[in-house]
Amino acid sequence: MYEKKIPKDLSCGLNIAIEVIGGKWKANLLANINKGMKRPSELHKSIPQASARVLNQQLAELEFHGIVSKKIFNVLPPKVEYSLTEGGKDVLEVLYSMKSWGEGYKKTFHDIIKYEGEIH
């Protein structure tokens, strides 16, 4: 895995949470796996604006942290499926709370962005 030049402060639970679930597509991947999308091709189709390489990288990070598990079937052509671990199911509660907060903040956010665009 890529090592950053400035060490991360992992003494804080919030920093650890961001390290594990922070990433442009990780929340979407977890929600889609929870909805029943288990194959990499299904996950790639569900997020067409993301490259397969980035999605695979983020899936690998989620697997590394024990949030998803990857099952490789011994068949031809090769078949892979992802599923949420118990830790992944726990993380969903956090993500759904964040989604709820975002829905409540959406109007304010768009007003700020609109105002910011008018200034420049």
N, C-alpha and C. Protein backbone atom coordinates (compact mmCIF):
# COMPACT_ATOMS: atom_id res chain seq x y z
N MET A 1 0.83 -1.17 0.00
CA MET A 1 0.00 0.00 0.00
C MET A 1 0.88 1.24 0.00
N TYR A 2 0.37 2.32 -0.59
CA TYR A 2 1.10 3.57 -0.71
C TYR A 2 1.38 4.18 0.66
N GLU A 3 2.61 4.62 0.89
CA GLU A 3 2.98 5.26 2.14
C GLU A 3 3.14 6.76 1.89
N LYS A 4 2.47 7.56 2.70
CA LYS A 4 2.57 9.01 2.57
C LYS A 4 3.85 9.50 3.24
N LYS A 5 4.33 10.66 2.79
CA LYS A 5 5.57 11.23 3.34
C LYS A 5 5.37 11.73 4.76
N ILE A 6 4.19 12.30 5.05
CA ILE A 6 3.90 12.80 6.40
C ILE A 6 3.11 11.71 7.12
N PRO A 7 3.62 11.21 8.23
CA PRO A 7 2.91 10.14 8.95
C PRO A 7 1.53 10.59 9.40
N LYS A 8 0.60 9.68 9.39
CA LYS A 8 -0.76 9.97 9.82
C LYS A 8 -0.85 9.82 11.33
N ASP A 9 -1.68 10.67 11.94
CA ASP A 9 -1.93 10.56 13.37
C ASP A 9 -3.08 9.59 13.57
N LEU A 10 -2.77 8.36 13.94
CA LEU A 10 -3.79 7.34 14.13
C LEU A 10 -4.06 7.07 15.60
N SER A 11 -3.82 8.10 16.43
CA SER A 11 -4.12 7.96 17.85
C SER A 11 -5.56 8.40 18.14
N CYS A 12 -6.21 8.99 17.16
CA CYS A 12 -7.58 9.50 17.31
C CYS A 12 -8.55 8.61 16.54
N GLY A 13 -9.64 8.23 17.20
CA GLY A 13 -10.63 7.36 16.56
C GLY A 13 -11.21 7.96 15.29
N LEU A 14 -11.41 9.28 15.26
CA LEU A 14 -11.96 9.91 14.06
C LEU A 14 -10.99 9.77 12.89
N ASN A 15 -9.69 9.96 13.15
CA ASN A 15 -8.69 9.80 12.08
C ASN A 15 -8.67 8.36 11.57
N ILE A 16 -8.84 7.41 12.47
CA ILE A 16 -8.87 6.01 12.06
C ILE A 16 -10.09 5.75 11.19
N ALA A 17 -11.24 6.26 11.60
CA ALA A 17 -12.47 6.07 10.81
C ALA A 17 -12.31 6.66 9.42
N ILE A 18 -11.73 7.85 9.33
CA ILE A 18 -11.53 8.49 8.03
C ILE A 18 -10.53 7.70 7.20
N GLU A 19 -9.51 7.17 7.84
CA GLU A 19 -8.53 6.34 7.13
C GLU A 19 -9.19 5.11 6.52
N VAL A 20 -10.11 4.50 7.25
CA VAL A 20 -10.73 3.25 6.80
C VAL A 20 -11.83 3.50 5.77
N ILE A 21 -12.73 4.45 6.04
CA ILE A 21 -13.88 4.63 5.13
C ILE A 21 -13.77 5.87 4.26
N GLY A 22 -12.74 6.69 4.48
CA GLY A 22 -12.55 7.86 3.63
C GLY A 22 -12.05 7.42 2.27
N GLY A 23 -12.58 7.99 1.28
CA GLY A 23 -12.23 7.64 -0.10
C GLY A 23 -13.43 7.99 -0.95
N LYS A 24 -13.17 8.46 -2.12
CA LYS A 24 -14.25 9.00 -2.95
C LYS A 24 -15.40 8.01 -3.17
N TRP A 25 -15.09 6.72 -3.29
CA TRP A 25 -16.13 5.76 -3.67
C TRP A 25 -16.42 4.70 -2.61
N LYS A 26 -15.73 4.73 -1.49
CA LYS A 26 -15.90 3.65 -0.50
C LYS A 26 -17.32 3.58 0.06
N ALA A 27 -17.92 4.71 0.37
CA ALA A 27 -19.29 4.70 0.90
C ALA A 27 -20.25 4.10 -0.13
N ASN A 28 -20.08 4.49 -1.40
CA ASN A 28 -20.93 3.94 -2.46
C ASN A 28 -20.72 2.44 -2.61
N LEU A 29 -19.48 2.01 -2.55
CA LEU A 29 -19.20 0.58 -2.66
C LEU A 29 -19.87 -0.19 -1.53
N LEU A 30 -19.74 0.30 -0.31
CA LEU A 30 -20.33 -0.39 0.83
C LEU A 30 -21.85 -0.43 0.73
N ALA A 31 -22.46 0.68 0.35
CA ALA A 31 -23.92 0.71 0.20
C ALA A 31 -24.38 -0.26 -0.89
N ASN A 32 -23.64 -0.32 -1.99
CA ASN A 32 -24.02 -1.20 -3.09
C ASN A 32 -23.81 -2.67 -2.74
N ILE A 33 -22.76 -2.98 -2.01
CA ILE A 33 -22.57 -4.37 -1.55
C ILE A 33 -23.71 -4.74 -0.62
N ASN A 34 -24.11 -3.81 0.23
CA ASN A 34 -25.22 -4.06 1.14
C ASN A 34 -26.53 -4.29 0.38
N LYS A 35 -26.68 -3.64 -0.78
CA LYS A 35 -27.89 -3.80 -1.61
C LYS A 35 -27.89 -5.11 -2.37
N GLY A 36 -26.78 -5.84 -2.35
CA GLY A 36 -26.73 -7.13 -3.02
C GLY A 36 -25.80 -7.21 -4.22
N MET A 37 -25.14 -6.11 -4.54
CA MET A 37 -24.17 -6.12 -5.63
C MET A 37 -22.88 -6.70 -5.08
N LYS A 38 -22.52 -7.88 -5.55
CA LYS A 38 -21.37 -8.58 -4.97
C LYS A 38 -20.21 -8.73 -5.94
N ARG A 39 -20.49 -8.75 -7.22
CA ARG A 39 -19.44 -8.98 -8.22
C ARG A 39 -18.78 -7.66 -8.61
N PRO A 40 -17.48 -7.68 -8.88
CA PRO A 40 -16.79 -6.44 -9.29
C PRO A 40 -17.46 -5.77 -10.49
N SER A 41 -17.93 -6.55 -11.45
CA SER A 41 -18.56 -5.95 -12.64
C SER A 41 -19.84 -5.20 -12.26
N GLU A 42 -20.61 -5.73 -11.31
CA GLU A 42 -21.83 -5.05 -10.86
C GLU A 42 -21.47 -3.74 -10.15
N LEU A 43 -20.43 -3.79 -9.33
CA LEU A 43 -20.00 -2.60 -8.61
C LEU A 43 -19.48 -1.54 -9.57
N HIS A 44 -18.75 -1.96 -10.59
CA HIS A 44 -18.24 -1.01 -11.59
C HIS A 44 -19.38 -0.37 -12.35
N LYS A 45 -20.39 -1.16 -12.71
CA LYS A 45 -21.55 -0.62 -13.43
C LYS A 45 -22.35 0.34 -12.57
N SER A 46 -22.36 0.12 -11.26
CA SER A 46 -23.14 0.97 -10.36
C SER A 46 -22.50 2.34 -10.14
N ILE A 47 -21.22 2.46 -10.45
CA ILE A 47 -20.49 3.73 -10.29
C ILE A 47 -19.71 3.99 -11.59
N PRO A 48 -20.42 4.28 -12.69
CA PRO A 48 -19.74 4.38 -14.00
C PRO A 48 -18.72 5.50 -14.10
N GLN A 49 -18.85 6.54 -13.27
CA GLN A 49 -17.91 7.65 -13.36
C GLN A 49 -16.56 7.34 -12.71
N ALA A 50 -16.47 6.22 -12.00
CA ALA A 50 -15.21 5.82 -11.36
C ALA A 50 -14.49 4.80 -12.24
N SER A 51 -13.19 4.88 -12.26
CA SER A 51 -12.43 3.90 -13.04
C SER A 51 -12.39 2.57 -12.30
N ALA A 52 -12.30 1.50 -13.05
CA ALA A 52 -12.22 0.16 -12.47
C ALA A 52 -10.99 0.05 -11.57
N ARG A 53 -9.91 0.68 -11.95
CA ARG A 53 -8.67 0.63 -11.17
C ARG A 53 -8.86 1.24 -9.78
N VAL A 54 -9.53 2.40 -9.72
CA VAL A 54 -9.75 3.06 -8.43
C VAL A 54 -10.71 2.24 -7.58
N LEU A 55 -11.78 1.73 -8.19
CA LEU A 55 -12.72 0.91 -7.42
C LEU A 55 -12.04 -0.34 -6.88
N ASN A 56 -11.23 -0.98 -7.70
CA ASN A 56 -10.50 -2.17 -7.23
C ASN A 56 -9.54 -1.82 -6.09
N GLN A 57 -8.89 -0.67 -6.20
CA GLN A 57 -7.98 -0.23 -5.14
C GLN A 57 -8.75 0.02 -3.85
N GLN A 58 -9.89 0.68 -3.94
CA GLN A 58 -10.66 0.97 -2.74
C GLN A 58 -11.28 -0.30 -2.15
N LEU A 59 -11.69 -1.23 -2.99
CA LEU A 59 -12.16 -2.53 -2.49
C LEU A 59 -11.04 -3.26 -1.76
N ALA A 60 -9.84 -3.20 -2.31
CA ALA A 60 -8.69 -3.86 -1.66
C ALA A 60 -8.40 -3.22 -0.30
N GLU A 61 -8.53 -1.89 -0.21
CA GLU A 61 -8.31 -1.22 1.07
C GLU A 61 -9.39 -1.62 2.08
N LEU A 62 -10.64 -1.69 1.63
CA LEU A 62 -11.72 -2.11 2.53
C LEU A 62 -11.52 -3.55 2.99
N GLU A 63 -11.01 -4.39 2.10
CA GLU A 63 -10.71 -5.78 2.48
C GLU A 63 -9.56 -5.82 3.48
N PHE A 64 -8.53 -5.03 3.23
CA PHE A 64 -7.37 -4.97 4.11
C PHE A 64 -7.78 -4.60 5.54
N HIS A 65 -8.73 -3.67 5.65
CA HIS A 65 -9.18 -3.20 6.96
C HIS A 65 -10.29 -4.08 7.56
N GLY A 66 -10.66 -5.13 6.86
CA GLY A 66 -11.64 -6.05 7.41
C GLY A 66 -13.08 -5.57 7.33
N ILE A 67 -13.36 -4.64 6.43
CA ILE A 67 -14.70 -4.10 6.27
C ILE A 67 -15.50 -4.94 5.26
N VAL A 68 -14.82 -5.45 4.25
CA VAL A 68 -15.44 -6.39 3.31
C VAL A 68 -14.58 -7.65 3.24
N SER A 69 -15.22 -8.72 2.84
CA SER A 69 -14.45 -9.94 2.58
C SER A 69 -14.60 -10.28 1.11
N LYS A 70 -13.58 -10.89 0.59
CA LYS A 70 -13.53 -11.24 -0.83
C LYS A 70 -13.48 -12.75 -0.93
N LYS A 71 -14.42 -13.31 -1.69
CA LYS A 71 -14.44 -14.75 -1.91
C LYS A 71 -14.10 -15.02 -3.36
N ILE A 72 -13.08 -15.84 -3.57
CA ILE A 72 -12.65 -16.21 -4.92
C ILE A 72 -13.11 -17.64 -5.18
N PHE A 73 -13.90 -17.81 -6.22
CA PHE A 73 -14.40 -19.13 -6.58
C PHE A 73 -13.42 -19.78 -7.55
N ASN A 74 -13.17 -21.06 -7.36
CA ASN A 74 -12.23 -21.80 -8.20
C ASN A 74 -12.95 -22.33 -9.43
N VAL A 75 -13.32 -21.40 -10.34
CA VAL A 75 -14.00 -21.76 -11.58
C VAL A 75 -13.38 -20.98 -12.72
N LEU A 76 -13.68 -21.43 -13.93
CA LEU A 76 -13.25 -20.70 -15.13
C LEU A 76 -14.49 -20.23 -15.85
N PRO A 77 -14.59 -18.99 -16.21
CA PRO A 77 -13.67 -17.90 -15.88
C PRO A 77 -13.72 -17.60 -14.38
N PRO A 78 -12.68 -16.97 -13.85
CA PRO A 78 -12.62 -16.69 -12.42
C PRO A 78 -13.83 -15.87 -11.96
N LYS A 79 -14.28 -16.16 -10.77
CA LYS A 79 -15.42 -15.45 -10.20
C LYS A 79 -15.04 -14.96 -8.80
N VAL A 80 -15.36 -13.69 -8.54
CA VAL A 80 -15.07 -13.06 -7.25
C VAL A 80 -16.36 -12.41 -6.74
N GLU A 81 -16.58 -12.52 -5.43
CA GLU A 81 -17.71 -11.85 -4.80
C GLU A 81 -17.24 -11.17 -3.52
N TYR A 82 -17.82 -10.00 -3.27
CA TYR A 82 -17.53 -9.26 -2.05
C TYR A 82 -18.75 -9.31 -1.14
N SER A 83 -18.51 -9.30 0.16
CA SER A 83 -19.59 -9.21 1.13
C SER A 83 -19.11 -8.37 2.32
N LEU A 84 -20.07 -7.84 3.05
CA LEU A 84 -19.74 -7.05 4.23
C LEU A 84 -19.39 -7.98 5.39
N THR A 85 -18.38 -7.61 6.13
CA THR A 85 -18.06 -8.31 7.38
C THR A 85 -18.93 -7.69 8.48
N GLU A 86 -18.81 -8.19 9.68
CA GLU A 86 -19.53 -7.58 10.81
C GLU A 86 -19.08 -6.13 10.97
N GLY A 87 -17.79 -5.88 10.80
CA GLY A 87 -17.29 -4.51 10.87
C GLY A 87 -17.88 -3.63 9.78
N GLY A 88 -18.08 -4.20 8.61
CA GLY A 88 -18.69 -3.47 7.50
C GLY A 88 -20.14 -3.13 7.79
N LYS A 89 -20.85 -4.05 8.43
CA LYS A 89 -22.24 -3.78 8.80
C LYS A 89 -22.31 -2.67 9.84
N ASP A 90 -21.34 -2.66 10.77
CA ASP A 90 -21.28 -1.58 11.76
C ASP A 90 -21.01 -0.24 11.10
N VAL A 91 -20.13 -0.22 10.11
CA VAL A 91 -19.79 1.02 9.41
C VAL A 91 -21.00 1.57 8.68
N LEU A 92 -21.88 0.70 8.19
CA LEU A 92 -23.07 1.18 7.48
C LEU A 92 -23.90 2.11 8.36
N GLU A 93 -23.98 1.81 9.65
CA GLU A 93 -24.73 2.68 10.56
C GLU A 93 -24.15 4.09 10.55
N VAL A 94 -22.83 4.18 10.55
CA VAL A 94 -22.16 5.48 10.51
C VAL A 94 -22.46 6.18 9.18
N LEU A 95 -22.37 5.44 8.08
CA LEU A 95 -22.60 6.03 6.76
C LEU A 95 -24.04 6.51 6.61
N TYR A 96 -24.99 5.74 7.11
CA TYR A 96 -26.39 6.15 7.01
C TYR A 96 -26.66 7.37 7.88
N SER A 97 -25.98 7.50 9.02
CA SER A 97 -26.10 8.71 9.83
C SER A 97 -25.53 9.91 9.08
N MET A 98 -24.40 9.70 8.40
CA MET A 98 -23.80 10.77 7.61
C MET A 98 -24.73 11.17 6.46
N LYS A 99 -25.35 10.18 5.83
CA LYS A 99 -26.28 10.47 4.73
C LYS A 99 -27.45 11.29 5.24
N SER A 100 -27.99 10.93 6.38
CA SER A 100 -29.11 11.65 6.96
C SER A 100 -28.72 13.10 7.26
N TRP A 101 -27.54 13.29 7.84
CA TRP A 101 -27.06 14.64 8.11
C TRP A 101 -26.92 15.42 6.81
N GLY A 102 -26.36 14.78 5.80
CA GLY A 102 -26.17 15.44 4.50
C GLY A 102 -27.48 15.85 3.85
N GLU A 103 -28.49 15.01 3.98
CA GLU A 103 -29.80 15.36 3.44
C GLU A 103 -30.35 16.60 4.15
N GLY A 104 -30.18 16.67 5.46
CA GLY A 104 -30.65 17.84 6.21
C GLY A 104 -29.85 19.10 5.90
N TYR A 105 -28.60 18.94 5.52
CA TYR A 105 -27.70 20.07 5.26
C TYR A 105 -27.69 20.47 3.78
N LYS A 106 -28.33 19.67 2.94
CA LYS A 106 -28.23 19.84 1.49
C LYS A 106 -28.58 21.26 1.02
N LYS A 107 -29.70 21.82 1.49
CA LYS A 107 -30.12 23.14 1.03
C LYS A 107 -29.09 24.19 1.42
N THR A 108 -28.64 24.15 2.67
CA THR A 108 -27.61 25.10 3.13
C THR A 108 -26.36 24.97 2.27
N PHE A 109 -25.95 23.74 2.02
CA PHE A 109 -24.75 23.49 1.22
C PHE A 109 -24.88 24.10 -0.18
N HIS A 110 -26.01 23.84 -0.82
CA HIS A 110 -26.21 24.37 -2.17
C HIS A 110 -26.31 25.89 -2.17
N ASP A 111 -26.91 26.47 -1.13
CA ASP A 111 -26.95 27.92 -1.02
C ASP A 111 -25.55 28.50 -0.89
N ILE A 112 -24.70 27.84 -0.09
CA ILE A 112 -23.32 28.31 0.09
C ILE A 112 -22.56 28.21 -1.23
N ILE A 113 -22.69 27.08 -1.90
CA ILE A 113 -21.98 26.89 -3.17
C ILE A 113 -22.46 27.91 -4.21
N LYS A 114 -23.76 28.13 -4.26
CA LYS A 114 -24.32 29.11 -5.21
C LYS A 114 -23.77 30.50 -4.90
N TYR A 115 -23.78 30.88 -3.62
CA TYR A 115 -23.28 32.18 -3.20
C TYR A 115 -21.79 32.31 -3.53
N GLU A 116 -21.04 31.25 -3.25
CA GLU A 116 -19.60 31.25 -3.51
C GLU A 116 -19.34 31.45 -5.00
N GLY A 117 -20.15 30.82 -5.85
CA GLY A 117 -19.99 30.97 -7.29
C GLY A 117 -20.30 32.37 -7.78
N GLU A 118 -21.22 33.07 -7.08
CA GLU A 118 -21.58 34.44 -7.46
C GLU A 118 -20.47 35.42 -7.10
N ILE A 119 -19.68 35.12 -6.07
CA ILE A 119 -18.61 36.01 -5.63
C ILE A 119 -17.49 36.03 -6.67
N HIS A 120 -17.14 34.85 -7.19
CA HIS A 120 -16.01 34.77 -8.12
C HIS A 120 -16.50 35.03 -9.46
